[in-house]
Protein backbone atom coordinates (compact mmCIF):
# COMPACT_ATOMS: atom_id res chain seq x y z
CA MET A 1 5.41 -2.05 13.99
CA GLU A 2 6.30 -5.72 13.19
CA ASN A 3 4.35 -7.20 15.81
CA PHE A 4 1.76 -4.99 13.95
CA VAL A 5 1.90 -6.24 10.94
CA LEU A 6 2.61 -9.89 11.94
CA VAL A 7 -1.07 -9.85 13.92
CA ILE A 8 -2.40 -9.03 10.42
CA ASN A 9 -0.44 -11.74 9.03
CA ILE A 10 -2.03 -14.51 11.23
CA ILE A 11 -5.57 -13.03 11.11
CA LEU A 12 -5.38 -12.79 7.01
CA ALA A 13 -4.04 -16.19 7.45
CA VAL A 14 -7.18 -17.72 9.52
CA LEU A 15 -9.49 -15.23 7.15
CA LEU A 16 -8.06 -17.37 4.16
CA VAL A 17 -8.42 -20.54 5.49
CA VAL A 18 -11.93 -20.06 6.34
CA THR A 19 -12.90 -18.38 2.80
CA VAL A 20 -11.40 -20.96 0.86
CA LEU A 21 -13.18 -24.07 3.02
CA LEU A 22 -16.90 -21.90 2.80
CA GLN A 23 -16.75 -22.15 -0.87
CA LYS A 24 -18.75 -24.64 -3.02
CA SER A 25 -16.73 -27.41 -3.81
CA GLU A 26 -17.17 -27.93 -7.78
CA GLY A 27 -16.70 -31.35 -7.67
CA GLY A 28 -13.54 -33.17 -9.76
CA ALA A 29 -10.22 -32.31 -9.78
CA LEU A 30 -9.48 -29.19 -12.00
CA GLY A 31 -12.87 -29.73 -13.83
CA LEU A 32 -11.90 -33.84 -14.54
CA GLY A 33 -14.90 -35.88 -14.22
CA ALA A 34 -17.13 -33.24 -14.24
CA SER A 35 -20.11 -32.95 -17.28
CA GLN A 36 -19.27 -30.69 -20.27
CA ASP A 37 -22.59 -28.16 -18.90
CA SER A 38 -20.77 -28.07 -15.44
CA PHE A 39 -17.64 -26.98 -17.04
CA ILE A 40 -19.00 -24.47 -19.04
CA SER A 41 -20.91 -22.84 -16.47
CA SER A 42 -17.76 -22.72 -14.19
CA ARG A 43 -16.65 -19.75 -16.38
CA SER A 44 -19.09 -17.73 -15.24
CA ALA A 45 -18.86 -14.78 -13.37
CA SER A 46 -17.43 -14.90 -9.87
CA ASN A 47 -19.50 -14.26 -6.72
CA PHE A 48 -18.76 -12.87 -3.84
CA LEU A 49 -16.67 -16.02 -1.81
CA THR A 50 -14.25 -16.11 -4.47
CA LYS A 51 -13.26 -12.07 -5.24
CA ALA A 52 -12.93 -12.08 -1.24
CA THR A 53 -10.19 -15.20 -1.49
CA ALA A 54 -8.52 -13.52 -4.22
CA ILE A 55 -8.33 -10.38 -2.72
CA ILE A 56 -7.30 -11.75 1.16
CA ALA A 57 -4.91 -13.79 -0.63
CA THR A 58 -3.00 -10.89 -2.11
CA LEU A 59 -2.60 -9.03 1.44
CA PHE A 60 -1.70 -11.91 2.51
CA ILE A 61 1.04 -12.02 0.14
CA ILE A 62 1.84 -8.54 0.70
CA THR A 63 1.81 -8.75 4.42
CA SER A 64 4.36 -11.61 4.60
CA ILE A 65 6.65 -9.77 1.80
CA THR A 66 6.41 -6.88 4.90
CA LEU A 67 7.43 -8.60 7.30
CA THR A 68 10.33 -10.35 5.19
CA ILE A 69 11.62 -7.26 4.05
CA MET A 70 11.27 -5.70 8.14
CA SER A 71 13.07 -8.56 9.46
CA LYS A 72 16.02 -8.27 6.84
CA GLU A 73 16.91 -5.19 8.96
CA ASN A 74 17.66 -7.10 11.80
CA LEU A 75 20.09 -9.98 10.59
CA PRO A 76 23.74 -9.85 10.86
CA THR A 77 25.43 -8.88 7.95
CA LYS A 78 28.32 -11.11 8.79
CA SER A 79 28.17 -14.95 7.59
CA VAL A 80 28.06 -17.97 10.23
CA LEU A 81 31.21 -18.92 8.40
CA GLU A 82 32.99 -16.10 8.30
CA SER A 83 33.18 -16.30 12.38
CA VAL A 84 34.36 -19.82 12.08
CA GLU A 85 36.92 -19.15 9.91
CA GLU A 86 38.31 -16.22 12.01
CA GLU A 87 38.07 -18.49 14.92
CA ASN A 88 40.06 -21.46 13.32
CA SER A 89 42.65 -18.56 11.75
CA SER A 90 45.47 -18.99 14.44
CA SER A 91 48.61 -20.45 12.40
CA GLU A 92 49.79 -22.78 15.53
CA PRO A 93 48.03 -26.08 15.88
CA GLU A 94 46.16 -26.82 18.82
CA ILE A 95 46.35 -29.82 21.38
CA PRO A 96 42.50 -31.44 21.78
CA LYS A 97 41.38 -31.27 24.82
CA SER A 98 41.28 -34.32 26.83
CA ASP A 99 38.48 -35.42 29.43
């Protein structure tokens, strides 16, 4: 199941990149440097690509969160620091090993 969600996540990532690259560049970052006419017209109804981008981005986030939840089940509950403390918990001092 995890592999299936991972494949869907990769496909969505590629589709998201493609849809972002296909969109028309509005010019100017965040509307800066654009005339007032183009700034006002940029608030018009969204076209197909912007809606598709929003849908694909939402699905990508959902699959990413799903993968995180699915992988959490396979993680050990014991910390790495706890295992190091258990190994070094002997009361006698250790003699360093020489080569």
